[in-house]
Amino acid sequence: AQLELPAAERRIGELLGVRFSRAELLRLQAAAFTVRPEMLRLARRIARLTSVGILTNNAPLLKEAVPLHLPELARVFDPILYSFELGHPKPERALYEGVCARLGLEPGEIFFADDQESHVRAARELAR
């Protein structure tokens, strides 16, 4: 049985002139997410000592795709936090405040790394 696509995802397919199933859409979303092997190895090493999580601006589709197509992320990273669930994207201050509240930690107790310098600066500002 083919899963029903939400209207917005169906509309994207129409605009692109393609038809895809929900399963195909999840596979494509996972394929668009870059897993850097060196970062995964580092995260595994750190996870032996403390919790290692992910904070991403990715859409709800990735949340659904991770356990199916990127299970190595779910095994290493806990929690995986999605900005859409916290109501603010990186680099908004309110997102980092929400992360601290969700984790029950102070900003200075969290090590934050990102591939966007503006995201790191925003998180660092919260720790001051």
C-alpha atoms as a PDB file:
ATOM      1  CA  ALA A   1       0.000   0.000   0.000  1.00  0.00           C
ATOM      2  CA  GLN A   2       1.248   3.432  -0.890  1.00  0.00           C
ATOM      3  CA  LEU A   3       1.215   6.035   1.870  1.00  0.00           C
ATOM      4  CA  GLU A   4      -0.650   9.255   1.231  1.00  0.00           C
ATOM      5  CA  LEU A   5       1.575  12.275   0.694  1.00  0.00           C
ATOM      6  CA  PRO A   6       0.693  15.486   2.512  1.00  0.00           C
ATOM      7  CA  ALA A   7      -0.575  18.229   0.226  1.00  0.00           C
ATOM      8  CA  ALA A   8       2.631  20.278   0.321  1.00  0.00           C
ATOM      9  CA  GLU A   9       4.789  17.308  -0.639  1.00  0.00           C
ATOM     10  CA  ARG A  10       2.359  16.334  -3.387  1.00  0.00           C
ATOM     11  CA  ARG A  11       2.500  19.924  -4.687  1.00  0.00           C
ATOM     12  CA  ILE A  12       6.314  19.811  -4.809  1.00  0.00           C
ATOM     13  CA  GLY A  13       6.078  16.733  -7.002  1.00  0.00           C
ATOM     14  CA  GLU A  14       3.583  18.480  -9.264  1.00  0.00           C
ATOM     15  CA  LEU A  15       5.856  21.515  -9.612  1.00  0.00           C
ATOM     16  CA  LEU A  16       8.819  19.284 -10.421  1.00  0.00           C
ATOM     17  CA  GLY A  17       6.729  17.236 -12.824  1.00  0.00           C
ATOM     18  CA  VAL A  18       7.426  13.963 -11.015  1.00  0.00           C
ATOM     19  CA  ARG A  19       5.412  11.471  -9.022  1.00  0.00           C
ATOM     20  CA  PHE A  20       6.895   9.712  -6.038  1.00  0.00           C
ATOM     21  CA  SER A  21       5.733   7.590  -3.160  1.00  0.00           C
ATOM     22  CA  ARG A  22       6.229   8.512   0.477  1.00  0.00           C
ATOM     23  CA  ALA A  23       8.935   5.822   0.720  1.00  0.00           C
ATOM     24  CA  GLU A  24      10.780   7.327  -2.264  1.00  0.00           C
ATOM     25  CA  LEU A  25      10.492  10.806  -0.787  1.00  0.00           C
ATOM     26  CA  LEU A  26      11.984   9.615   2.513  1.00  0.00           C
ATOM     27  CA  ARG A  27      14.825   7.879   0.684  1.00  0.00           C
ATOM     28  CA  LEU A  28      15.541  11.062  -1.298  1.00  0.00           C
ATOM     29  CA  GLN A  29      15.510  13.168   1.872  1.00  0.00           C
ATOM     30  CA  ALA A  30      17.986  10.817   3.528  1.00  0.00           C
ATOM     31  CA  ALA A  31      20.206  10.853   0.429  1.00  0.00           C
ATOM     32  CA  ALA A  32      20.304  14.656   0.562  1.00  0.00           C
ATOM     33  CA  PHE A  33      21.602  14.562   4.153  1.00  0.00           C
ATOM     34  CA  THR A  34      25.391  14.351   4.252  1.00  0.00           C
ATOM     35  CA  VAL A  35      26.809  12.025   6.891  1.00  0.00           C
ATOM     36  CA  ARG A  36      30.481  12.790   7.320  1.00  0.00           C
ATOM     37  CA  PRO A  37      32.236   9.552   8.309  1.00  0.00           C
ATOM     38  CA  GLU A  38      34.983  11.354  10.236  1.00  0.00           C
ATOM     39  CA  MET A  39      32.391  13.213  12.315  1.00  0.00           C
ATOM     40  CA  LEU A  40      30.481  10.003  12.967  1.00  0.00           C
ATOM     41  CA  ARG A  41      33.682   8.318  14.184  1.00  0.00           C
ATOM     42  CA  LEU A  42      34.443  11.269  16.458  1.00  0.00           C
ATOM     43  CA  ALA A  43      30.879  11.303  17.804  1.00  0.00           C
ATOM     44  CA  ARG A  44      31.103   7.578  18.607  1.00  0.00           C
ATOM     45  CA  ARG A  45      34.275   8.168  20.605  1.00  0.00           C
ATOM     46  CA  ILE A  46      32.767  11.088  22.513  1.00  0.00           C
ATOM     47  CA  ALA A  47      29.523   9.170  23.119  1.00  0.00           C
ATOM     48  CA  ARG A  48      31.491   6.675  25.225  1.00  0.00           C
ATOM     49  CA  LEU A  49      32.060   9.529  27.692  1.00  0.00           C
ATOM     50  CA  THR A  50      28.974  11.730  27.462  1.00  0.00           C
ATOM     51  CA  SER A  51      25.789  12.376  25.521  1.00  0.00           C
ATOM     52  CA  VAL A  52      26.150  13.538  21.926  1.00  0.00           C
ATOM     53  CA  GLY A  53      23.233  15.078  20.101  1.00  0.00           C
ATOM     54  CA  ILE A  54      22.310  16.793  16.870  1.00  0.00           C
ATOM     55  CA  LEU A  55      20.497  20.089  16.438  1.00  0.00           C
ATOM     56  CA  THR A  56      19.288  20.488  12.863  1.00  0.00           C
ATOM     57  CA  ASN A  57      17.241  22.923  10.825  1.00  0.00           C
ATOM     58  CA  ASN A  58      16.106  20.067   8.594  1.00  0.00           C
ATOM     59  CA  ALA A  59      12.408  19.571   7.904  1.00  0.00           C
ATOM     60  CA  PRO A  60      10.059  17.001   9.446  1.00  0.00           C
ATOM     61  CA  LEU A  61      10.745  14.654   6.554  1.00  0.00           C
ATOM     62  CA  LEU A  62      14.287  14.042   7.815  1.00  0.00           C
ATOM     63  CA  LYS A  63      12.970  13.134  11.253  1.00  0.00           C
ATOM     64  CA  GLU A  64      10.911  10.427   9.624  1.00  0.00           C
ATOM     65  CA  ALA A  65      13.783   9.324   7.361  1.00  0.00           C
ATOM     66  CA  VAL A  66      16.496   8.975  10.034  1.00  0.00           C
ATOM     67  CA  PRO A  67      15.344   5.720  11.650  1.00  0.00           C
ATOM     68  CA  LEU A  68      14.634   4.150   8.257  1.00  0.00           C
ATOM     69  CA  HIS A  69      17.561   5.309   6.159  1.00  0.00           C
ATOM     70  CA  LEU A  70      20.138   6.762   8.548  1.00  0.00           C
ATOM     71  CA  PRO A  71      19.932   4.442  11.564  1.00  0.00           C
ATOM     72  CA  GLU A  72      23.601   5.020  12.398  1.00  0.00           C
ATOM     73  CA  LEU A  73      22.672   8.574  13.382  1.00  0.00           C
ATOM     74  CA  ALA A  74      19.957   7.376  15.740  1.00  0.00           C
ATOM     75  CA  ARG A  75      22.403   4.907  17.330  1.00  0.00           C
ATOM     76  CA  VAL A  76      25.094   7.526  18.002  1.00  0.00           C
ATOM     77  CA  PHE A  77      23.193  10.760  18.572  1.00  0.00           C
ATOM     78  CA  ASP A  78      20.699  11.150  21.394  1.00  0.00           C
ATOM     79  CA  PRO A  79      18.918  13.434  21.297  1.00  0.00           C
ATOM     80  CA  ILE A  80      18.357  14.505  17.724  1.00  0.00           C
ATOM     81  CA  LEU A  81      16.633  17.863  18.038  1.00  0.00           C
ATOM     82  CA  TYR A  82      14.810  19.500  15.141  1.00  0.00           C
ATOM     83  CA  SER A  83      14.416  23.260  15.121  1.00  0.00           C
ATOM     84  CA  PHE A  84      10.907  22.961  13.663  1.00  0.00           C
ATOM     85  CA  GLU A  85       9.845  21.195  16.882  1.00  0.00           C
ATOM     86  CA  LEU A  86      11.317  23.977  18.999  1.00  0.00           C
ATOM     87  CA  GLY A  87       9.657  26.695  16.907  1.00  0.00           C
ATOM     88  CA  HIS A  88      12.784  28.578  15.847  1.00  0.00           C
ATOM     89  CA  PRO A  89      15.556  27.971  13.288  1.00  0.00           C
ATOM     90  CA  LYS A  90      19.289  28.297  13.844  1.00  0.00           C
ATOM     91  CA  PRO A  91      20.708  30.851  14.531  1.00  0.00           C
ATOM     92  CA  GLU A  92      17.800  32.383  16.488  1.00  0.00           C
ATOM     93  CA  ARG A  93      18.587  32.828  20.179  1.00  0.00           C
ATOM     94  CA  ALA A  94      15.196  31.397  21.147  1.00  0.00           C
ATOM     95  CA  LEU A  95      16.175  28.070  19.580  1.00  0.00           C
ATOM     96  CA  TYR A  96      19.278  27.742  21.749  1.00  0.00           C
ATOM     97  CA  GLU A  97      17.256  28.747  24.818  1.00  0.00           C
ATOM     98  CA  GLY A  98      14.730  26.044  23.921  1.00  0.00           C
ATOM     99  CA  VAL A  99      17.503  23.460  23.566  1.00  0.00           C
ATOM    100  CA  CYS A 100      18.831  24.323  27.027  1.00  0.00           C
ATOM    101  CA  ALA A 101      15.339  24.048  28.478  1.00  0.00           C
ATOM    102  CA  ARG A 102      14.665  20.730  26.728  1.00  0.00           C
ATOM    103  CA  LEU A 103      17.964  19.271  27.929  1.00  0.00           C
ATOM    104  CA  GLY A 104      17.775  20.807  31.405  1.00  0.00           C
ATOM    105  CA  LEU A 105      21.261  22.251  30.967  1.00  0.00           C
ATOM    106  CA  GLU A 106      22.849  25.675  31.171  1.00  0.00           C
ATOM    107  CA  PRO A 107      24.433  27.059  27.976  1.00  0.00           C
ATOM    108  CA  GLY A 108      27.936  26.648  29.408  1.00  0.00           C
ATOM    109  CA  GLU A 109      27.293  22.918  29.916  1.00  0.00           C
ATOM    110  CA  ILE A 110      26.754  22.293  26.195  1.00  0.00           C
ATOM    111  CA  PHE A 111      29.466  22.008  23.564  1.00  0.00           C
ATOM    112  CA  PHE A 112      28.042  23.229  20.252  1.00  0.00           C
ATOM    113  CA  ALA A 113      29.752  22.748  16.894  1.00  0.00           C
ATOM    114  CA  ASP A 114      28.284  23.614  13.512  1.00  0.00           C
ATOM    115  CA  ASP A 115      29.385  24.055   9.915  1.00  0.00           C
ATOM    116  CA  GLN A 116      27.954  27.600   9.926  1.00  0.00           C
ATOM    117  CA  GLU A 117      29.959  30.170  11.883  1.00  0.00           C
ATOM    118  CA  SER A 118      26.833  32.313  12.422  1.00  0.00           C
ATOM    119  CA  HIS A 119      25.198  29.393  14.257  1.00  0.00           C
ATOM    120  CA  VAL A 120      28.220  28.949  16.512  1.00  0.00           C
ATOM    121  CA  ARG A 121      28.369  32.681  17.274  1.00  0.00           C
ATOM    122  CA  ALA A 122      24.684  32.730  18.221  1.00  0.00           C
ATOM    123  CA  ALA A 123      25.087  29.761  20.561  1.00  0.00           C
ATOM    124  CA  ARG A 124      28.220  31.284  22.087  1.00  0.00           C
ATOM    125  CA  GLU A 125      26.342  34.528  22.796  1.00  0.00           C
ATOM    126  CA  LEU A 126      23.841  32.603  24.902  1.00  0.00           C
ATOM    127  CA  ALA A 127      26.660  31.220  27.060  1.00  0.00           C
ATOM    128  CA  ARG A 128      27.900  34.702  27.993  1.00  0.00           C
END
